[in-house]
N, C-alpha and C. Protein backbone atom coordinates (compact mmCIF):
# COMPACT_ATOMS: atom_id res chain seq x y z
N MET A 1 110.35 -79.77 19.41
CA MET A 1 109.64 -79.15 18.33
C MET A 1 110.45 -77.98 17.81
N THR A 2 110.30 -77.79 16.52
CA THR A 2 111.08 -76.72 15.92
C THR A 2 110.36 -75.40 16.09
N ALA A 3 111.16 -74.37 16.00
CA ALA A 3 110.59 -73.06 16.19
C ALA A 3 109.68 -72.72 15.02
N GLY A 4 108.55 -72.17 15.27
CA GLY A 4 107.64 -71.72 14.24
C GLY A 4 106.64 -72.78 13.82
N MET A 5 106.76 -73.99 14.29
CA MET A 5 105.84 -75.04 13.88
C MET A 5 104.79 -75.18 14.97
N ALA A 6 103.59 -75.38 14.54
CA ALA A 6 102.52 -75.52 15.52
C ALA A 6 101.61 -76.64 15.08
N PHE A 7 101.10 -77.35 16.08
CA PHE A 7 100.15 -78.43 15.79
C PHE A 7 98.79 -78.00 16.27
N GLY A 8 97.81 -78.34 15.53
CA GLY A 8 96.47 -78.03 15.98
C GLY A 8 96.02 -76.66 15.50
N ASN A 9 95.10 -76.11 16.23
CA ASN A 9 94.48 -74.86 15.82
C ASN A 9 95.12 -73.65 16.47
N GLY A 10 96.09 -73.83 17.20
CA GLY A 10 96.72 -72.73 17.90
C GLY A 10 97.57 -71.87 16.99
N ALA A 11 97.90 -70.67 17.43
CA ALA A 11 98.74 -69.76 16.68
C ALA A 11 100.18 -70.20 16.78
N PRO A 12 100.98 -69.94 15.77
CA PRO A 12 102.38 -70.35 15.84
C PRO A 12 103.12 -69.57 16.92
N ASP A 13 104.12 -70.20 17.46
CA ASP A 13 104.90 -69.54 18.50
C ASP A 13 105.79 -68.49 17.88
N ALA A 14 105.87 -67.38 18.53
CA ALA A 14 106.76 -66.34 18.05
C ALA A 14 108.16 -66.70 18.49
N SER A 15 109.04 -66.76 17.53
CA SER A 15 110.40 -67.17 17.82
C SER A 15 111.32 -65.99 17.56
N PRO A 16 112.30 -65.79 18.41
CA PRO A 16 113.23 -64.69 18.17
C PRO A 16 114.12 -64.97 16.96
N TYR A 17 114.16 -66.17 16.45
CA TYR A 17 115.03 -66.51 15.33
C TYR A 17 114.25 -66.67 14.02
N ALA A 18 113.08 -66.15 13.96
CA ALA A 18 112.23 -66.36 12.78
C ALA A 18 112.81 -65.70 11.54
N ASP A 19 113.59 -64.65 11.67
CA ASP A 19 114.14 -63.98 10.51
C ASP A 19 115.35 -64.70 9.96
N GLU A 20 115.83 -65.62 10.61
CA GLU A 20 117.05 -66.30 10.19
C GLU A 20 116.70 -67.59 9.47
N GLY A 21 117.61 -68.00 8.63
CA GLY A 21 117.45 -69.26 7.93
C GLY A 21 117.93 -70.40 8.81
N PRO A 22 118.01 -71.59 8.30
CA PRO A 22 118.41 -72.72 9.11
C PRO A 22 119.85 -72.63 9.58
N TYR A 23 120.67 -71.84 8.89
CA TYR A 23 122.08 -71.74 9.28
C TYR A 23 122.40 -70.39 9.88
N GLY A 24 121.39 -69.65 10.23
CA GLY A 24 121.60 -68.39 10.90
C GLY A 24 121.69 -67.20 9.96
N SER A 25 121.62 -67.37 8.63
CA SER A 25 121.67 -66.23 7.70
C SER A 25 120.26 -65.67 7.52
N PRO A 26 120.17 -64.40 7.22
CA PRO A 26 118.83 -63.80 7.09
C PRO A 26 118.08 -64.33 5.86
N VAL A 27 116.76 -64.43 5.94
CA VAL A 27 115.90 -64.90 4.85
C VAL A 27 115.71 -63.75 3.87
N ALA A 28 115.78 -64.05 2.55
CA ALA A 28 115.60 -63.02 1.53
C ALA A 28 114.15 -62.56 1.55
N LYS A 29 113.95 -61.28 1.53
CA LYS A 29 112.60 -60.73 1.56
C LYS A 29 112.05 -60.67 0.13
N HIS A 30 110.75 -60.89 0.00
CA HIS A 30 110.09 -60.86 -1.31
C HIS A 30 109.90 -59.42 -1.75
N LYS A 31 110.04 -59.21 -3.08
CA LYS A 31 109.82 -57.86 -3.63
C LYS A 31 108.34 -57.61 -3.77
N LYS A 32 107.98 -56.35 -3.85
CA LYS A 32 106.59 -55.98 -4.02
C LYS A 32 106.11 -56.41 -5.41
N ALA A 33 104.83 -56.79 -5.51
CA ALA A 33 104.25 -57.15 -6.80
C ALA A 33 104.06 -55.89 -7.62
N GLY A 34 104.25 -55.98 -8.96
CA GLY A 34 104.07 -54.83 -9.84
C GLY A 34 105.20 -54.74 -10.83
N LEU A 35 105.18 -53.68 -11.62
CA LEU A 35 106.17 -53.50 -12.66
C LEU A 35 107.38 -52.75 -12.14
N THR A 36 108.48 -53.02 -12.75
CA THR A 36 109.69 -52.27 -12.44
C THR A 36 109.61 -50.95 -13.17
N ARG A 37 110.59 -50.13 -12.88
CA ARG A 37 110.63 -48.83 -13.55
C ARG A 37 110.76 -49.02 -15.05
N ARG A 38 111.59 -49.94 -15.51
CA ARG A 38 111.78 -50.22 -16.93
C ARG A 38 110.47 -50.74 -17.55
N GLY A 39 109.72 -51.59 -16.86
CA GLY A 39 108.45 -52.12 -17.35
C GLY A 39 107.40 -51.02 -17.51
N LYS A 40 107.38 -50.11 -16.53
CA LYS A 40 106.43 -49.00 -16.60
C LYS A 40 106.73 -48.12 -17.81
N VAL A 41 108.01 -47.87 -18.09
CA VAL A 41 108.40 -47.07 -19.25
C VAL A 41 107.99 -47.78 -20.53
N ALA A 42 108.21 -49.11 -20.60
CA ALA A 42 107.85 -49.87 -21.79
C ALA A 42 106.34 -49.82 -22.05
N VAL A 43 105.54 -49.95 -20.99
CA VAL A 43 104.08 -49.88 -21.14
C VAL A 43 103.66 -48.49 -21.62
N ALA A 44 104.27 -47.46 -21.07
CA ALA A 44 103.93 -46.09 -21.47
C ALA A 44 104.28 -45.86 -22.94
N VAL A 45 105.46 -46.33 -23.37
CA VAL A 45 105.87 -46.16 -24.77
C VAL A 45 104.92 -46.92 -25.69
N ALA A 46 104.53 -48.15 -25.32
CA ALA A 46 103.61 -48.94 -26.14
C ALA A 46 102.25 -48.24 -26.23
N GLY A 47 101.77 -47.69 -25.13
CA GLY A 47 100.49 -46.98 -25.15
C GLY A 47 100.53 -45.76 -26.06
N VAL A 48 101.62 -45.00 -25.96
CA VAL A 48 101.76 -43.82 -26.82
C VAL A 48 101.82 -44.25 -28.28
N ALA A 49 102.54 -45.34 -28.58
CA ALA A 49 102.64 -45.82 -29.96
C ALA A 49 101.27 -46.26 -30.48
N ILE A 50 100.50 -46.96 -29.65
CA ILE A 50 99.17 -47.41 -30.08
C ILE A 50 98.24 -46.23 -30.32
N VAL A 51 98.22 -45.29 -29.38
CA VAL A 51 97.35 -44.12 -29.53
C VAL A 51 97.77 -43.28 -30.73
N GLY A 52 99.08 -43.07 -30.89
CA GLY A 52 99.57 -42.29 -32.03
C GLY A 52 99.28 -42.98 -33.36
N GLY A 53 99.52 -44.29 -33.40
CA GLY A 53 99.24 -45.04 -34.64
C GLY A 53 97.76 -45.03 -34.97
N GLY A 54 96.91 -45.17 -33.95
CA GLY A 54 95.46 -45.12 -34.17
C GLY A 54 95.01 -43.77 -34.68
N THR A 55 95.59 -42.71 -34.13
CA THR A 55 95.24 -41.36 -34.57
C THR A 55 95.65 -41.13 -36.02
N ILE A 56 96.87 -41.56 -36.35
CA ILE A 56 97.35 -41.40 -37.73
C ILE A 56 96.49 -42.22 -38.68
N TRP A 57 96.18 -43.47 -38.31
CA TRP A 57 95.35 -44.31 -39.17
C TRP A 57 93.98 -43.67 -39.37
N PHE A 58 93.38 -43.12 -38.30
CA PHE A 58 92.07 -42.50 -38.41
C PHE A 58 92.11 -41.30 -39.36
N GLN A 59 93.19 -40.50 -39.26
CA GLN A 59 93.30 -39.34 -40.14
C GLN A 59 93.45 -39.77 -41.60
N VAL A 60 94.28 -40.79 -41.84
CA VAL A 60 94.46 -41.29 -43.21
C VAL A 60 93.15 -41.86 -43.74
N HIS A 61 92.48 -42.63 -42.90
CA HIS A 61 91.21 -43.24 -43.32
C HIS A 61 90.17 -42.16 -43.61
N SER A 62 90.08 -41.15 -42.75
CA SER A 62 89.12 -40.06 -42.96
C SER A 62 89.43 -39.31 -44.25
N ALA A 63 90.71 -39.08 -44.53
CA ALA A 63 91.08 -38.39 -45.77
C ALA A 63 90.71 -39.23 -46.99
N ALA A 64 90.93 -40.54 -46.91
CA ALA A 64 90.59 -41.42 -48.03
C ALA A 64 89.08 -41.45 -48.27
N VAL A 65 88.31 -41.50 -47.20
CA VAL A 65 86.84 -41.51 -47.33
C VAL A 65 86.37 -40.18 -47.93
N ALA A 66 86.92 -39.08 -47.48
CA ALA A 66 86.54 -37.77 -48.02
C ALA A 66 86.89 -37.68 -49.50
N LYS A 67 88.06 -38.20 -49.87
CA LYS A 67 88.47 -38.18 -51.28
C LYS A 67 87.52 -39.02 -52.13
N GLU A 68 87.14 -40.20 -51.64
CA GLU A 68 86.22 -41.06 -52.38
C GLU A 68 84.85 -40.40 -52.51
N GLU A 69 84.40 -39.72 -51.47
CA GLU A 69 83.11 -39.03 -51.54
C GLU A 69 83.16 -37.91 -52.58
N LYS A 70 84.29 -37.18 -52.64
CA LYS A 70 84.43 -36.11 -53.63
C LYS A 70 84.43 -36.69 -55.04
N GLU A 71 85.15 -37.82 -55.23
CA GLU A 71 85.18 -38.45 -56.54
C GLU A 71 83.80 -38.95 -56.95
N ALA A 72 83.06 -39.50 -55.99
CA ALA A 72 81.71 -39.99 -56.29
C ALA A 72 80.79 -38.83 -56.67
N ALA A 73 80.92 -37.71 -55.96
CA ALA A 73 80.10 -36.55 -56.28
C ALA A 73 80.46 -36.00 -57.66
N ALA A 74 81.76 -35.96 -57.97
CA ALA A 74 82.19 -35.48 -59.29
C ALA A 74 81.68 -36.41 -60.39
N LEU A 75 81.73 -37.70 -60.15
CA LEU A 75 81.23 -38.67 -61.13
C LEU A 75 79.73 -38.52 -61.32
N GLN A 76 79.01 -38.28 -60.24
CA GLN A 76 77.57 -38.08 -60.33
C GLN A 76 77.25 -36.83 -61.13
N ILE A 77 78.01 -35.77 -60.93
CA ILE A 77 77.81 -34.53 -61.69
C ILE A 77 78.08 -34.77 -63.16
N GLN A 78 79.15 -35.52 -63.45
CA GLN A 78 79.47 -35.84 -64.84
C GLN A 78 78.35 -36.63 -65.49
N MET A 79 77.79 -37.59 -64.76
CA MET A 79 76.69 -38.39 -65.31
C MET A 79 75.47 -37.52 -65.59
N LYS A 80 75.18 -36.58 -64.71
CA LYS A 80 74.06 -35.67 -64.93
C LYS A 80 74.29 -34.82 -66.17
N LYS A 81 75.54 -34.36 -66.36
CA LYS A 81 75.86 -33.56 -67.55
C LYS A 81 75.67 -34.39 -68.81
N LEU A 82 76.12 -35.64 -68.77
CA LEU A 82 75.94 -36.51 -69.93
C LEU A 82 74.47 -36.77 -70.23
N GLU A 83 73.68 -36.96 -69.18
CA GLU A 83 72.25 -37.16 -69.38
C GLU A 83 71.61 -35.92 -70.01
N LEU A 84 72.04 -34.73 -69.55
CA LEU A 84 71.50 -33.49 -70.12
C LEU A 84 71.89 -33.36 -71.60
N GLU A 85 73.13 -33.71 -71.92
CA GLU A 85 73.58 -33.66 -73.31
C GLU A 85 72.77 -34.63 -74.17
N GLU A 86 72.55 -35.81 -73.62
CA GLU A 86 71.76 -36.81 -74.35
C GLU A 86 70.33 -36.31 -74.58
N MET A 87 69.75 -35.68 -73.56
CA MET A 87 68.40 -35.14 -73.71
C MET A 87 68.36 -34.04 -74.76
N LYS A 88 69.40 -33.18 -74.77
CA LYS A 88 69.46 -32.12 -75.78
C LYS A 88 69.52 -32.71 -77.18
N ILE A 89 70.37 -33.74 -77.34
CA ILE A 89 70.50 -34.37 -78.66
C ILE A 89 69.18 -35.01 -79.08
N ARG A 90 68.52 -35.69 -78.15
CA ARG A 90 67.23 -36.30 -78.47
C ARG A 90 66.19 -35.25 -78.83
N ASN A 91 66.17 -34.15 -78.09
CA ASN A 91 65.21 -33.09 -78.38
C ASN A 91 65.47 -32.46 -79.74
N GLU A 92 66.76 -32.24 -80.04
CA GLU A 92 67.10 -31.67 -81.35
C GLU A 92 66.70 -32.63 -82.47
N LYS A 93 66.96 -33.91 -82.29
CA LYS A 93 66.60 -34.89 -83.30
C LYS A 93 65.09 -34.98 -83.46
N ALA A 94 64.38 -34.95 -82.33
CA ALA A 94 62.91 -35.01 -82.40
C ALA A 94 62.36 -33.80 -83.12
N SER A 95 62.91 -32.61 -82.83
CA SER A 95 62.41 -31.40 -83.50
C SER A 95 62.76 -31.42 -84.98
N SER A 96 63.97 -31.91 -85.33
CA SER A 96 64.31 -31.98 -86.76
C SER A 96 63.45 -33.03 -87.47
N ASP A 97 63.18 -34.16 -86.79
CA ASP A 97 62.29 -35.17 -87.38
C ASP A 97 60.88 -34.62 -87.55
N LYS A 98 60.43 -33.84 -86.57
CA LYS A 98 59.10 -33.26 -86.66
C LYS A 98 59.02 -32.27 -87.81
N LYS A 99 60.08 -31.45 -87.97
CA LYS A 99 60.12 -30.49 -89.08
C LYS A 99 60.15 -31.23 -90.42
N ALA A 100 60.96 -32.30 -90.49
CA ALA A 100 61.04 -33.07 -91.74
C ALA A 100 59.70 -33.73 -92.05
N ALA A 101 59.03 -34.24 -91.03
CA ALA A 101 57.72 -34.87 -91.24
C ALA A 101 56.70 -33.84 -91.69
N ALA A 102 56.76 -32.64 -91.08
CA ALA A 102 55.83 -31.58 -91.49
C ALA A 102 56.10 -31.15 -92.93
N ALA A 103 57.39 -31.02 -93.29
CA ALA A 103 57.73 -30.64 -94.66
C ALA A 103 57.29 -31.72 -95.64
N SER A 104 57.49 -32.98 -95.27
CA SER A 104 57.07 -34.09 -96.12
C SER A 104 55.56 -34.12 -96.26
N ALA A 105 54.86 -33.88 -95.15
CA ALA A 105 53.40 -33.86 -95.19
C ALA A 105 52.92 -32.71 -96.07
N ASP A 106 53.59 -31.56 -96.00
CA ASP A 106 53.22 -30.42 -96.85
C ASP A 106 53.43 -30.76 -98.33
N LYS A 107 54.57 -31.44 -98.64
CA LYS A 107 54.84 -31.83 -100.03
C LYS A 107 53.79 -32.82 -100.53
N VAL A 108 53.45 -33.79 -99.69
CA VAL A 108 52.44 -34.79 -100.07
C VAL A 108 51.10 -34.11 -100.29
N GLN A 109 50.73 -33.20 -99.39
CA GLN A 109 49.45 -32.50 -99.53
C GLN A 109 49.43 -31.66 -100.80
N ALA A 110 50.55 -30.99 -101.09
CA ALA A 110 50.62 -30.18 -102.32
C ALA A 110 50.50 -31.08 -103.55
N ALA A 111 51.16 -32.25 -103.52
CA ALA A 111 51.08 -33.18 -104.66
C ALA A 111 49.67 -33.75 -104.80
N VAL A 112 49.02 -34.07 -103.69
CA VAL A 112 47.64 -34.58 -103.74
C VAL A 112 46.71 -33.50 -104.27
N ASP A 113 46.89 -32.27 -103.81
CA ASP A 113 46.04 -31.17 -104.30
C ASP A 113 46.23 -30.97 -105.79
N LYS A 114 47.48 -31.04 -106.25
CA LYS A 114 47.75 -30.88 -107.68
C LYS A 114 47.12 -32.01 -108.47
N CYS A 115 47.23 -33.25 -107.95
CA CYS A 115 46.64 -34.41 -108.62
C CYS A 115 45.13 -34.27 -108.71
N VAL A 116 44.50 -33.84 -107.62
CA VAL A 116 43.04 -33.66 -107.61
C VAL A 116 42.65 -32.57 -108.59
N LYS A 117 43.45 -31.49 -108.62
CA LYS A 117 43.16 -30.38 -109.52
C LYS A 117 43.30 -30.82 -110.98
N ASP A 118 44.34 -31.63 -111.27
CA ASP A 118 44.54 -32.12 -112.63
C ASP A 118 43.45 -33.11 -113.05
N SER A 119 42.96 -33.88 -112.11
CA SER A 119 41.95 -34.90 -112.40
C SER A 119 40.53 -34.38 -112.23
N SER A 120 40.37 -33.13 -111.90
CA SER A 120 39.02 -32.59 -111.65
C SER A 120 38.18 -32.60 -112.92
N GLY A 121 38.80 -32.65 -114.06
CA GLY A 121 38.05 -32.69 -115.32
C GLY A 121 37.32 -34.01 -115.51
N LEU A 122 37.76 -35.07 -114.84
CA LEU A 122 37.15 -36.39 -115.00
C LEU A 122 35.98 -36.60 -114.04
N ILE A 123 35.81 -35.75 -113.07
CA ILE A 123 34.81 -35.95 -112.03
C ILE A 123 33.41 -35.73 -112.59
N GLY A 124 32.56 -36.76 -112.42
CA GLY A 124 31.14 -36.67 -112.76
C GLY A 124 30.84 -36.38 -114.22
N LYS A 125 31.62 -36.81 -115.19
CA LYS A 125 31.42 -36.52 -116.61
C LYS A 125 30.61 -37.61 -117.31
N GLY A 126 30.03 -38.43 -116.59
CA GLY A 126 29.20 -39.44 -117.24
C GLY A 126 29.02 -40.64 -116.34
N LEU A 127 28.38 -41.67 -116.94
CA LEU A 127 28.10 -42.87 -116.20
C LEU A 127 29.41 -43.63 -115.98
N GLY A 128 29.73 -44.03 -114.75
CA GLY A 128 30.95 -44.75 -114.43
C GLY A 128 32.14 -43.84 -114.20
N ALA A 129 31.95 -42.55 -114.31
CA ALA A 129 33.05 -41.61 -114.07
C ALA A 129 33.29 -41.54 -112.56
N PRO A 130 34.56 -41.37 -112.14
CA PRO A 130 34.86 -41.35 -110.71
C PRO A 130 34.28 -40.12 -110.04
N SER A 131 33.88 -40.31 -108.79
CA SER A 131 33.39 -39.18 -108.00
C SER A 131 34.60 -38.44 -107.43
N ARG A 132 34.35 -37.31 -106.79
CA ARG A 132 35.44 -36.50 -106.23
C ARG A 132 36.17 -37.29 -105.12
N SER A 133 35.43 -38.02 -104.29
CA SER A 133 36.07 -38.77 -103.21
C SER A 133 36.94 -39.90 -103.78
N ASP A 134 36.53 -40.51 -104.90
CA ASP A 134 37.35 -41.55 -105.54
C ASP A 134 38.66 -40.96 -106.06
N VAL A 135 38.58 -39.78 -106.67
CA VAL A 135 39.79 -39.13 -107.20
C VAL A 135 40.72 -38.77 -106.06
N VAL A 136 40.18 -38.20 -104.97
CA VAL A 136 41.01 -37.82 -103.82
C VAL A 136 41.67 -39.05 -103.21
N ALA A 137 40.90 -40.15 -103.06
CA ALA A 137 41.46 -41.38 -102.48
C ALA A 137 42.56 -41.95 -103.37
N ASP A 138 42.35 -41.94 -104.69
CA ASP A 138 43.39 -42.44 -105.61
C ASP A 138 44.66 -41.59 -105.53
N CYS A 139 44.49 -40.28 -105.47
CA CYS A 139 45.67 -39.40 -105.40
C CYS A 139 46.41 -39.59 -104.08
N LYS A 140 45.67 -39.71 -102.98
CA LYS A 140 46.32 -39.93 -101.68
C LYS A 140 47.08 -41.25 -101.68
N ARG A 141 46.46 -42.30 -102.18
CA ARG A 141 47.10 -43.60 -102.21
C ARG A 141 48.37 -43.55 -103.07
N GLN A 142 48.30 -42.86 -104.18
CA GLN A 142 49.45 -42.77 -105.10
C GLN A 142 50.62 -42.02 -104.46
N TYR A 143 50.35 -40.85 -103.86
CA TYR A 143 51.45 -40.03 -103.34
C TYR A 143 51.92 -40.45 -101.95
N GLU A 144 51.03 -40.97 -101.13
CA GLU A 144 51.47 -41.44 -99.82
C GLU A 144 52.32 -42.69 -99.94
N ALA A 145 52.03 -43.57 -100.90
CA ALA A 145 52.85 -44.76 -101.12
C ALA A 145 54.21 -44.37 -101.67
N ALA A 146 54.26 -43.31 -102.47
CA ALA A 146 55.53 -42.87 -103.05
C ALA A 146 56.43 -42.22 -101.99
N THR A 147 55.82 -41.59 -100.99
CA THR A 147 56.63 -40.91 -99.98
C THR A 147 57.05 -41.82 -98.84
N ALA A 148 56.50 -43.05 -98.76
CA ALA A 148 56.92 -43.97 -97.71
C ALA A 148 58.38 -44.31 -97.93
N GLY A 149 59.15 -44.33 -96.85
CA GLY A 149 60.59 -44.56 -96.96
C GLY A 149 60.91 -45.98 -97.39
N PRO A 150 62.15 -46.22 -97.83
CA PRO A 150 62.54 -47.57 -98.25
C PRO A 150 62.47 -48.57 -97.11
N GLY A 151 62.64 -48.13 -95.89
CA GLY A 151 62.54 -49.03 -94.76
C GLY A 151 61.11 -49.54 -94.59
N MET A 152 60.14 -48.65 -94.82
CA MET A 152 58.74 -49.04 -94.72
C MET A 152 58.39 -50.03 -95.83
N GLU A 153 58.89 -49.79 -97.03
CA GLU A 153 58.60 -50.71 -98.13
C GLU A 153 59.21 -52.08 -97.87
N ALA A 154 60.44 -52.12 -97.30
CA ALA A 154 61.09 -53.40 -97.01
C ALA A 154 60.32 -54.14 -95.93
N ALA A 155 59.84 -53.43 -94.92
CA ALA A 155 59.08 -54.08 -93.86
C ALA A 155 57.76 -54.63 -94.40
N GLY A 156 57.12 -53.88 -95.28
CA GLY A 156 55.86 -54.34 -95.86
C GLY A 156 56.07 -55.55 -96.74
N SER A 157 57.14 -55.57 -97.54
CA SER A 157 57.38 -56.72 -98.41
C SER A 157 57.78 -57.94 -97.59
N ALA A 158 58.51 -57.75 -96.50
CA ALA A 158 58.88 -58.89 -95.66
C ALA A 158 57.64 -59.47 -94.99
N ARG A 159 56.71 -58.62 -94.59
CA ARG A 159 55.49 -59.11 -93.97
C ARG A 159 54.63 -59.86 -94.98
N ASP A 160 54.59 -59.34 -96.20
CA ASP A 160 53.80 -60.00 -97.24
C ASP A 160 54.41 -61.33 -97.62
N ALA A 161 55.74 -61.41 -97.65
CA ALA A 161 56.41 -62.66 -98.03
C ALA A 161 56.16 -63.73 -96.99
N GLY A 162 55.99 -63.37 -95.75
CA GLY A 162 55.75 -64.34 -94.69
C GLY A 162 54.39 -65.00 -94.83
N ASN A 163 53.44 -64.36 -95.45
CA ASN A 163 52.09 -64.93 -95.56
C ASN A 163 52.02 -66.03 -96.59
N GLY A 164 52.92 -66.07 -97.57
CA GLY A 164 52.83 -67.07 -98.63
C GLY A 164 53.45 -68.40 -98.25
N GLY A 165 54.35 -68.47 -97.28
CA GLY A 165 55.07 -69.70 -96.94
C GLY A 165 54.34 -70.51 -95.90
N ILE A 166 54.97 -71.60 -95.50
CA ILE A 166 54.41 -72.47 -94.46
C ILE A 166 54.83 -71.92 -93.12
N SER A 167 53.87 -71.73 -92.22
CA SER A 167 54.19 -71.21 -90.89
C SER A 167 54.73 -72.34 -90.02
N SER A 168 55.39 -71.98 -88.94
CA SER A 168 55.99 -73.00 -88.08
C SER A 168 54.95 -73.90 -87.41
N PRO A 169 53.78 -73.42 -86.98
CA PRO A 169 52.79 -74.36 -86.43
C PRO A 169 52.30 -75.37 -87.46
N ALA A 170 52.13 -74.92 -88.71
CA ALA A 170 51.69 -75.83 -89.75
C ALA A 170 52.76 -76.89 -90.02
N LEU A 171 54.01 -76.48 -90.07
CA LEU A 171 55.11 -77.41 -90.29
C LEU A 171 55.20 -78.42 -89.15
N LEU A 172 55.01 -77.97 -87.92
CA LEU A 172 55.03 -78.86 -86.77
C LEU A 172 53.89 -79.88 -86.85
N GLY A 173 52.71 -79.44 -87.29
CA GLY A 173 51.58 -80.34 -87.46
C GLY A 173 51.84 -81.39 -88.53
N LEU A 174 52.49 -80.98 -89.63
CA LEU A 174 52.82 -81.93 -90.70
C LEU A 174 53.80 -82.99 -90.20
N VAL A 175 54.81 -82.57 -89.47
CA VAL A 175 55.80 -83.52 -88.97
C VAL A 175 55.16 -84.48 -87.97
N ALA A 176 54.32 -83.96 -87.08
CA ALA A 176 53.66 -84.82 -86.10
C ALA A 176 52.72 -85.81 -86.79
N GLY A 177 51.97 -85.35 -87.81
CA GLY A 177 51.07 -86.24 -88.55
C GLY A 177 51.84 -87.32 -89.29
N GLY A 178 52.96 -86.97 -89.91
CA GLY A 178 53.79 -87.95 -90.61
C GLY A 178 54.34 -88.99 -89.66
N GLY A 179 54.78 -88.56 -88.49
CA GLY A 179 55.30 -89.49 -87.50
C GLY A 179 54.22 -90.44 -87.01
N LEU A 180 53.01 -89.93 -86.82
CA LEU A 180 51.90 -90.77 -86.38
C LEU A 180 51.55 -91.81 -87.45
N ALA A 181 51.55 -91.39 -88.73
CA ALA A 181 51.24 -92.32 -89.83
C ALA A 181 52.29 -93.42 -89.90
N VAL A 182 53.55 -93.09 -89.76
CA VAL A 182 54.62 -94.09 -89.81
C VAL A 182 54.45 -95.08 -88.65
N ALA A 183 54.11 -94.58 -87.46
CA ALA A 183 53.93 -95.45 -86.30
C ALA A 183 52.76 -96.40 -86.51
N VAL A 184 51.66 -95.92 -87.08
CA VAL A 184 50.48 -96.77 -87.32
C VAL A 184 50.80 -97.85 -88.33
N PHE A 185 51.45 -97.48 -89.44
CA PHE A 185 51.78 -98.46 -90.48
C PHE A 185 52.79 -99.49 -89.96
N ALA A 186 53.74 -99.07 -89.14
CA ALA A 186 54.72 -100.00 -88.58
C ALA A 186 54.03 -101.01 -87.67
N ARG A 187 53.05 -100.57 -86.95
CA ARG A 187 52.34 -101.46 -86.03
C ARG A 187 51.49 -102.48 -86.81
N LYS A 188 50.84 -102.02 -87.87
CA LYS A 188 50.03 -102.91 -88.70
C LYS A 188 50.92 -103.95 -89.37
N GLY A 189 52.11 -103.53 -89.77
CA GLY A 189 53.04 -104.46 -90.42
C GLY A 189 53.49 -105.56 -89.47
N LYS A 190 53.65 -105.30 -88.22
CA LYS A 190 54.06 -106.30 -87.23
C LYS A 190 52.94 -107.30 -87.01
N LYS A 191 51.65 -106.84 -87.00
CA LYS A 191 50.52 -107.75 -86.76
C LYS A 191 50.33 -108.72 -87.91
N THR A 192 50.52 -108.26 -89.13
CA THR A 192 50.31 -109.14 -90.29
C THR A 192 51.42 -110.17 -90.39
N ASP A 193 52.62 -109.87 -89.98
CA ASP A 193 53.73 -110.83 -90.04
C ASP A 193 53.55 -111.92 -88.99
N ALA A 194 52.93 -111.64 -87.91
CA ALA A 194 52.81 -112.61 -86.82
C ALA A 194 51.71 -113.55 -87.09
């Protein structure tokens, strides 16, 4: 039996030649598991590079986010300023429109008063003569129609023009009725031919 070999469950025999190879030369010993000095340095350098790169990226990212937040805040402030300017313009326009409407109403009232004053000689002067309320109503109708803007007159005439023509529901009814009549006559014509 060779040295170091054992059969069964027994422990191997201790041989004085166990350190030697088959030809008497010493057996190479195994190195310890783990990294070499060069490997440890490489891992350390890689770790420092990752940590440093992550730190730099975080700082750049934080700066970009802060810049975007500042730009968003500035944009929001600008929008608020524009809204305030728009409100000022609307308020100024509303006040000028109100003043113009008041001035126009004053002119109309003055013209109606003058018309009533001029026509006061006709009030109650006999049978069929206009009463004071008739004269006032006629003067109001005359001067209020004259002061209506051209846009109001155009809208009124367009509305009046629409009443004289054929409306779309009426036109649809005419077309449907005509189609029904043609279908009935076509059917009667087929029965008489057969």
